[in-house]
Structure formats: structure tokens, C-alpha cells
Amino acid sequence: MDQTIGPSRPAPRRNRAQRRADRYRRHVQALETAPGKGRYKHIYAALDLGTNNCRLLIARAEEDGFSILDSFSRSVRLGEGLGQSGTLSDAAMSRAIEAVKICGQKMKRLGVTRGRAIATAACRAAVNGMHFIDRLKGETGISFEIVTPSEEARLAVMGCSGLVERSYAGALVFDIGGGSTELIWLRMAKDSAERLPQIEAIASLPLGVVTLAERFGGHGLTPEIFPAMLAAARETLAAIEAPSLEGLAPGDLHMLGTSGTVTTIVGIHMGLPRYERRRVDGAWIETGDAVAIARRITALSHQDRISVPCIGQDRADLVMPGCAIFLAVAEAWPVPRLRVADRGLREGILLALMDQADKERRRRKRRRRR
């Protein structure tokens, strides 16, 4: 049968995302054909499903770390109502699944060859946490693991260790999450020329910005309830057994905060009209100044908090319990200076994956020599 051939049409223009995906796919294919490249052989993905957010980083290794190819973050409120019911709600699980599906599409488009997906406090605490992990696998094809608090803390430290100031004898790292808060005490190794930070102790508080907010109503939080919120944070913190850190005075340490609460505080301290990661990440602030800003934030009405640059609608309720936890930590360990990290868990996952690729390469080389 004859086929009528009409005038040729120009090929449709490929959008930016398609062109970028093609470029990185070619990059991966070229690296896969090059033997013995270790960490440089892969495209990596780190997927973190927390109590409040679903976050993704996709990266490739560089000589001085890694470069980000794509990222994603969405508030899914997975832990919504968990404190009252003990279970993840159907609505919360559906929101999280939809976000994870988007992450899966991004990973496929960019040709991810090695990744790790973790779930944290909400799935640890929920009676149906493992059921949800199975459902995620079935509906998205992505296998999640529920990590322990100590593993979560270890990865957070790995992701932000580059910001631990080597001139200090140690640091207190704290990560205020949605469902828990991780505290990690570091001490600089004296016998290391690079003075690498070593983990001295880890503690996990069963308290985060979502769980503490819900304890006091969850929405439209007012300054009048803040004293009770702060008292709850202090009580939870007092129940943990902190290390003695013998031989170290408060001035020998600095704090390193990796949470949205402290990045918000520093953004306000800088007077930023909108949040800028490149200016906040790695910034220093006197702890007393950070405490004063936290106090100022918690004295504002809900509507006034919304109008503050770097807070906005999405964080207006969560920043108040975050400030309560931060103030409790700052009171318990009065360290003079605070450094802020807009990095942590996902970056730690990426670095751990890259280290594992290098170890596998070395094992293959040893086997070939035998």
C-alpha cells in the first residue's frame, strides 16, 4: 500500500530537562566503559524520607567532593498525627508515595547507578512503619531502610564534618528533625596531622519540630504557649546521659547546627530578604546572638512569623518548636560560637556511597593481583 509522504516537519525541541538528562546519561555511559574508576564510575542518589520532608540529592564525584546534578524537596508531613495515633495515616503515606515517585523519575532520568534510600524517625516510631516500607517498594520500586538513630547521626556528621573547625578541640553537632533530634559530641583526634573529628558520644531525643508542635496543637502556635513548649524540650533533654568530655571547657568547643531551625535563624541574622544557601552554609554566629533571635521569633504572633523573610507560611508553625529545642540545647551546653550547616544527612549518604565504591575498586584490584 502506497504511503503519502507530506512535507517534513522540524523535530520538536527538547526541553532543558531532557537535554540535561541526555548529557548526564552520556557521561555515565562514558564512565562505565573506563576501567577502575572507583567513585567516578557512578551517578549517586541519596533519598531521605523524614517525619516532615522527602528530600533527594543526585550527584557525581569530583576531586574535591561531588557536584549536584539535581535535587528535590517536598513537605509530605509523614508524621502528621503520629504522636496521637501511633500509626502513619493513609493520607500521609499517600503524600509521601507521590513524592517518592517523583524522586524515582528523576533518578531514572539521570541514570543513577548507585543510591541509598532511608527512612527515619516517623517510620521508626510508627506501628505500621514496616508495612509502609513494603508499600513504598511495591508502588515506587524503591527499597527504603529504616535507619537507627546512631546511623542517622553518623551519616549527618559525615555530611557536615567539613565544617567542623579544626582549631577547636571538639564540637557539638545537633540535627533538629521532624520527629527526633540527634546530638553528636565530637573530639578532635590528637594523633592525627589533619585533626580529624572523632565521635565521642551520640544521643537521640524522641522530640522534633513536628512532634513538639503537635503536642501543643500543631497549627497557629502562639507566643503564650512557648514557655510550656520550652519546658517540654528541657525535660526531654534532661533525661539523656551526656558525656563528660573530660579536659574540655565550653570555650574549647563550638556548636554545629544542621537543621532548618538554625539556618532560618542565621538567615534572619544576616537580614536576607529570602533564604540563600550559599551565604548561610558554613556561616558563624555567636550563640548569644542566635539565642536572642530565637527568643524574638517565638515572641511573634503566627501571622507576624509568616511575614518574616526566611520563615514564611510553610515554616511559621515549625520554627517555634525548633527554637524551643535549640534554646534547650544552648542552655544545657553553653558553647560560645555556633556554625551553621545547610548540609548533613543526604550529603553523608552520598559520601558513604562514594567511599564504598572506592573500597570495592580496591578489593577488585587485590583479587586481580592474587
Foldseek 3Di string as FASTA:
>chain_A
DDDDDDDDDDDDDDDPLLVLLVVLVVCLVVLCVDPLPFQQNFWEKEWEAEQFKTKMWIWGADPVAIDTSDMDMDTLNQCVPCVPPLAGDPSSLVSVLVRVLVVLVSCVSNVGDYYAHEYEDSLVRHPCSVVSQVVSCVRRVDHYYYDDLVVLQVLQCLKQQVLFDLVFQWEWEWEAGQQKIKIWTWGFDPPDPVRGTDTPDIDMFRDHLNVLLVVVPNPQDALVCLVVLLVVLLVSVVPDDDDPPPPDDLARYEYEYQYLLQLLLVCVVVVPQARDQVVQASDKDWPVSSLVSLVVLSNDGLVVQLVRHSAHDVRSSSNSSVSSNSVSVCVVRVRTMYTYHPIGNRSSRSVVRSVVSNVVSVVVVVVVVD
